[in-house]
């Protein structure tokens, strides 16, 4: 089981679907977690966002 978890966490090989899914999930999670930090100092976007809500 340890070996399979390690294989999933490593960069995906061409035939390993689960590893590719994990890689994409982690990339999206990182990007989506950085978006609020990037917008923290951008009051023009946030003021427009609050008007939409």
PDB file of N, CA and C in Angstrom:
ATOM      1  N   UNK A   1       0.822  -1.190   0.000  1.00  0.00           N
ATOM      2  CA  UNK A   1       0.000   0.000   0.000  1.00  0.00           C
ATOM      3  C   UNK A   1       0.870   1.260   0.000  1.00  0.00           C
ATOM      4  N   UNK A   2       1.947   1.253   0.767  1.00  0.00           N
ATOM      5  CA  UNK A   2       2.852   2.405   0.781  1.00  0.00           C
ATOM      6  C   UNK A   2       3.426   2.677  -0.597  1.00  0.00           C
ATOM      7  N   UNK A   3       3.771   1.615  -1.280  1.00  0.00           N
ATOM      8  CA  UNK A   3       4.361   1.765  -2.607  1.00  0.00           C
ATOM      9  C   UNK A   3       3.354   2.392  -3.572  1.00  0.00           C
ATOM     10  N   UNK A   4       2.095   1.972  -3.502  1.00  0.00           N
ATOM     11  CA  UNK A   4       1.066   2.513  -4.401  1.00  0.00           C
ATOM     12  C   UNK A   4       0.799   3.988  -4.092  1.00  0.00           C
ATOM     13  N   UNK A   5       0.761   4.352  -2.824  1.00  0.00           N
ATOM     14  CA  UNK A   5       0.568   5.758  -2.455  1.00  0.00           C
ATOM     15  C   UNK A   5       1.730   6.592  -2.976  1.00  0.00           C
ATOM     16  N   UNK A   6       2.942   6.074  -2.833  1.00  0.00           N
ATOM     17  CA  UNK A   6       4.108   6.776  -3.358  1.00  0.00           C
ATOM     18  C   UNK A   6       4.018   6.939  -4.866  1.00  0.00           C
ATOM     19  N   UNK A   7       3.564   5.904  -5.569  1.00  0.00           N
ATOM     20  CA  UNK A   7       3.424   5.983  -7.024  1.00  0.00           C
ATOM     21  C   UNK A   7       2.371   7.006  -7.422  1.00  0.00           C
ATOM     22  N   UNK A   8       1.305   7.107  -6.640  1.00  0.00           N
ATOM     23  CA  UNK A   8       0.263   8.089  -6.946  1.00  0.00           C
ATOM     24  C   UNK A   8       0.776   9.512  -6.758  1.00  0.00           C
ATOM     25  N   UNK A   9       1.560   9.734  -5.730  1.00  0.00           N
ATOM     26  CA  UNK A   9       2.046  11.079  -5.426  1.00  0.00           C
ATOM     27  C   UNK A   9       3.120  11.528  -6.407  1.00  0.00           C
ATOM     28  N   UNK A  10       3.881  10.593  -6.922  1.00  0.00           N
ATOM     29  CA  UNK A  10       4.903  10.930  -7.911  1.00  0.00           C
ATOM     30  C   UNK A  10       4.247  11.429  -9.197  1.00  0.00           C
ATOM     31  N   UNK A  11       5.040  12.039 -10.065  1.00  0.00           N
ATOM     32  CA  UNK A  11       4.530  12.531 -11.348  1.00  0.00           C
ATOM     33  C   UNK A  11       3.910  11.379 -12.125  1.00  0.00           C
ATOM     34  N   UNK A  12       2.761  11.642 -12.725  1.00  0.00           N
ATOM     35  CA  UNK A  12       2.004  10.585 -13.394  1.00  0.00           C
ATOM     36  C   UNK A  12       2.747  10.027 -14.596  1.00  0.00           C
ATOM     37  N   UNK A  13       2.675   8.727 -14.727  1.00  0.00           N
ATOM     38  CA  UNK A  13       3.166   8.077 -15.934  1.00  0.00           C
ATOM     39  C   UNK A  13       2.015   8.021 -16.927  1.00  0.00           C
ATOM     40  N   UNK A  14       2.309   7.713 -18.157  1.00  0.00           N
ATOM     41  CA  UNK A  14       1.292   7.765 -19.207  1.00  0.00           C
ATOM     42  C   UNK A  14       0.154   6.758 -19.013  1.00  0.00           C
ATOM     43  N   UNK A  15       0.391   5.675 -18.307  1.00  0.00           N
ATOM     44  CA  UNK A  15      -0.638   4.648 -18.171  1.00  0.00           C
ATOM     45  C   UNK A  15      -1.295   4.614 -16.794  1.00  0.00           C
ATOM     46  N   UNK A  16      -0.997   5.571 -15.923  1.00  0.00           N
ATOM     47  CA  UNK A  16      -1.521   5.560 -14.559  1.00  0.00           C
ATOM     48  C   UNK A  16      -2.592   6.636 -14.393  1.00  0.00           C
ATOM     49  N   UNK A  17      -3.847   6.248 -14.554  1.00  0.00           N
ATOM     50  CA  UNK A  17      -4.959   7.187 -14.503  1.00  0.00           C
ATOM     51  C   UNK A  17      -5.134   7.802 -13.120  1.00  0.00           C
ATOM     52  N   UNK A  18      -5.030   6.997 -12.082  1.00  0.00           N
ATOM     53  CA  UNK A  18      -5.219   7.499 -10.726  1.00  0.00           C
ATOM     54  C   UNK A  18      -4.173   8.546 -10.366  1.00  0.00           C
ATOM     55  N   UNK A  19      -2.965   8.351 -10.807  1.00  0.00           N
ATOM     56  CA  UNK A  19      -1.900   9.317 -10.557  1.00  0.00           C
ATOM     57  C   UNK A  19      -2.157  10.617 -11.304  1.00  0.00           C
ATOM     58  N   UNK A  20      -2.659  10.532 -12.517  1.00  0.00           N
ATOM     59  CA  UNK A  20      -2.997  11.741 -13.281  1.00  0.00           C
ATOM     60  C   UNK A  20      -4.120  12.521 -12.613  1.00  0.00           C
ATOM     61  N   UNK A  21      -5.132  11.799 -12.142  1.00  0.00           N
ATOM     62  CA  UNK A  21      -6.247  12.449 -11.450  1.00  0.00           C
ATOM     63  C   UNK A  21      -5.748  13.151 -10.195  1.00  0.00           C
ATOM     64  N   UNK A  22      -4.871  12.482  -9.456  1.00  0.00           N
ATOM     65  CA  UNK A  22      -4.295  13.087  -8.251  1.00  0.00           C
ATOM     66  C   UNK A  22      -3.497  14.343  -8.600  1.00  0.00           C
ATOM     67  N   UNK A  23      -2.690  14.279  -9.643  1.00  0.00           N
ATOM     68  CA  UNK A  23      -1.890  15.433 -10.055  1.00  0.00           C
ATOM     69  C   UNK A  23      -2.777  16.621 -10.425  1.00  0.00           C
ATOM     70  N   UNK A  24      -3.821  16.368 -11.192  1.00  0.00           N
ATOM     71  CA  UNK A  24      -4.727  17.442 -11.597  1.00  0.00           C
ATOM     72  C   UNK A  24      -5.454  18.007 -10.391  1.00  0.00           C
ATOM     73  N   UNK A  25      -5.915  17.132  -9.504  1.00  0.00           N
ATOM     74  CA  UNK A  25      -6.598  17.579  -8.295  1.00  0.00           C
ATOM     75  C   UNK A  25      -5.689  18.471  -7.451  1.00  0.00           C
ATOM     76  N   UNK A  26      -4.448  18.072  -7.280  1.00  0.00           N
ATOM     77  CA  UNK A  26      -3.516  18.864  -6.465  1.00  0.00           C
ATOM     78  C   UNK A  26      -3.214  20.212  -7.126  1.00  0.00           C
ATOM     79  N   UNK A  27      -3.049  20.230  -8.441  1.00  0.00           N
ATOM     80  CA  UNK A  27      -2.789  21.500  -9.130  1.00  0.00           C
ATOM     81  C   UNK A  27      -3.971  22.448  -8.982  1.00  0.00           C
ATOM     82  N   UNK A  28      -5.182  21.939  -9.148  1.00  0.00           N
ATOM     83  CA  UNK A  28      -6.365  22.779  -9.002  1.00  0.00           C
ATOM     84  C   UNK A  28      -6.524  23.273  -7.566  1.00  0.00           C
ATOM     85  N   UNK A  29      -6.246  22.413  -6.610  1.00  0.00           N
ATOM     86  CA  UNK A  29      -6.337  22.803  -5.203  1.00  0.00           C
ATOM     87  C   UNK A  29      -5.350  23.917  -4.889  1.00  0.00           C
ATOM     88  N   UNK A  30      -4.146  23.813  -5.396  1.00  0.00           N
ATOM     89  CA  UNK A  30      -3.134  24.844  -5.156  1.00  0.00           C
ATOM     90  C   UNK A  30      -3.542  26.151  -5.806  1.00  0.00           C
ATOM     91  N   UNK A  31      -3.986  26.092  -7.047  1.00  0.00           N
ATOM     92  CA  UNK A  31      -4.384  27.311  -7.755  1.00  0.00           C
ATOM     93  C   UNK A  31      -5.561  27.980  -7.058  1.00  0.00           C
ATOM     94  N   UNK A  32      -6.581  27.187  -6.705  1.00  0.00           N
ATOM     95  CA  UNK A  32      -7.760  27.766  -6.064  1.00  0.00           C
ATOM     96  C   UNK A  32      -7.456  28.290  -4.666  1.00  0.00           C
ATOM     97  N   UNK A  33      -6.463  27.745  -4.014  1.00  0.00           N
ATOM     98  CA  UNK A  33      -6.103  28.269  -2.699  1.00  0.00           C
ATOM     99  C   UNK A  33      -5.283  29.556  -2.819  1.00  0.00           C
ATOM    100  N   UNK A  34      -4.619  29.753  -3.951  1.00  0.00           N
ATOM    101  CA  UNK A  34      -3.836  30.970  -4.147  1.00  0.00           C
ATOM    102  C   UNK A  34      -4.670  32.140  -4.656  1.00  0.00           C
ATOM    103  N   UNK A  35      -5.802  31.872  -5.273  1.00  0.00           N
ATOM    104  CA  UNK A  35      -6.641  32.933  -5.828  1.00  0.00           C
ATOM    105  C   UNK A  35      -7.073  33.939  -4.756  1.00  0.00           C
ATOM    106  N   UNK A  36      -7.572  33.504  -3.600  1.00  0.00           N
ATOM    107  CA  UNK A  36      -7.939  34.504  -2.587  1.00  0.00           C
ATOM    108  C   UNK A  36      -6.761  35.352  -2.121  1.00  0.00           C
ATOM    109  N   UNK A  37      -5.587  34.761  -2.055  1.00  0.00           N
ATOM    110  CA  UNK A  37      -4.406  35.533  -1.667  1.00  0.00           C
ATOM    111  C   UNK A  37      -4.043  36.564  -2.725  1.00  0.00           C
ATOM    112  N   UNK A  38      -4.216  36.209  -3.976  1.00  0.00           N
ATOM    113  CA  UNK A  38      -3.916  37.136  -5.065  1.00  0.00           C
ATOM    114  C   UNK A  38      -4.924  38.278  -5.092  1.00  0.00           C
ATOM    115  N   UNK A  39      -6.149  38.000  -4.706  1.00  0.00           N
ATOM    116  CA  UNK A  39      -7.194  39.018  -4.732  1.00  0.00           C
ATOM    117  C   UNK A  39      -7.242  39.848  -3.454  1.00  0.00           C
ATOM    118  N   UNK A  40      -6.475  39.478  -2.470  1.00  0.00           N
ATOM    119  CA  UNK A  40      -6.507  40.164  -1.180  1.00  0.00           C
ATOM    120  C   UNK A  40      -6.161  41.638  -1.314  1.00  0.00           C
ATOM    121  N   UNK A  41      -5.242  41.970  -2.182  1.00  0.00           N
ATOM    122  CA  UNK A  41      -4.799  43.349  -2.354  1.00  0.00           C
ATOM    123  C   UNK A  41      -5.410  44.012  -3.573  1.00  0.00           C
ATOM    124  N   UNK A  42      -6.506  43.476  -4.051  1.00  0.00           N
ATOM    125  CA  UNK A  42      -7.142  44.010  -5.240  1.00  0.00           C
ATOM    126  C   UNK A  42      -8.554  44.487  -4.904  1.00  0.00           C
ATOM    127  N   UNK A  43      -8.693  45.672  -4.335  1.00  0.00           N
ATOM    128  CA  UNK A  43     -10.015  46.122  -3.885  1.00  0.00           C
ATOM    129  C   UNK A  43     -10.997  46.368  -5.025  1.00  0.00           C
ATOM    130  N   UNK A  44     -10.528  46.685  -6.236  1.00  0.00           N
ATOM    131  CA  UNK A  44     -11.456  46.949  -7.334  1.00  0.00           C
ATOM    132  C   UNK A  44     -12.222  45.690  -7.716  1.00  0.00           C
ATOM    133  N   UNK A  45     -11.545  44.571  -7.761  1.00  0.00           N
ATOM    134  CA  UNK A  45     -12.221  43.315  -8.080  1.00  0.00           C
ATOM    135  C   UNK A  45     -13.175  42.921  -6.962  1.00  0.00           C
ATOM    136  N   UNK A  46     -12.705  43.040  -5.730  1.00  0.00           N
ATOM    137  CA  UNK A  46     -13.531  42.634  -4.606  1.00  0.00           C
ATOM    138  C   UNK A  46     -14.751  43.528  -4.437  1.00  0.00           C
ATOM    139  N   UNK A  47     -14.629  44.805  -4.720  1.00  0.00           N
ATOM    140  CA  UNK A  47     -15.789  45.677  -4.600  1.00  0.00           C
ATOM    141  C   UNK A  47     -16.817  45.325  -5.663  1.00  0.00           C
ATOM    142  N   UNK A  48     -16.382  44.973  -6.842  1.00  0.00           N
ATOM    143  CA  UNK A  48     -17.298  44.517  -7.878  1.00  0.00           C
ATOM    144  C   UNK A  48     -17.929  43.189  -7.522  1.00  0.00           C
ATOM    145  N   UNK A  49     -17.169  42.338  -6.885  1.00  0.00           N
ATOM    146  CA  UNK A  49     -17.681  41.022  -6.476  1.00  0.00           C
ATOM    147  C   UNK A  49     -18.775  41.166  -5.415  1.00  0.00           C
ATOM    148  N   UNK A  50     -18.581  42.080  -4.468  1.00  0.00           N
ATOM    149  CA  UNK A  50     -19.581  42.250  -3.436  1.00  0.00           C
ATOM    150  C   UNK A  50     -20.848  42.877  -3.983  1.00  0.00           C
ATOM    151  N   UNK A  51     -20.750  43.684  -5.024  1.00  0.00           N
ATOM    152  CA  UNK A  51     -21.938  44.265  -5.645  1.00  0.00           C
ATOM    153  C   UNK A  51     -22.765  43.182  -6.353  1.00  0.00           C
ATOM    154  N   UNK A  52     -22.099  42.157  -6.875  1.00  0.00           N
ATOM    155  CA  UNK A  52     -22.806  41.069  -7.554  1.00  0.00           C
ATOM    156  C   UNK A  52     -23.608  40.230  -6.570  1.00  0.00           C
ATOM    157  N   UNK A  53     -23.125  40.112  -5.360  1.00  0.00           N
ATOM    158  CA  UNK A  53     -23.800  39.288  -4.361  1.00  0.00           C
ATOM    159  C   UNK A  53     -24.905  40.074  -3.800  1.00  0.00           C
TER     160      UNK A  53
END
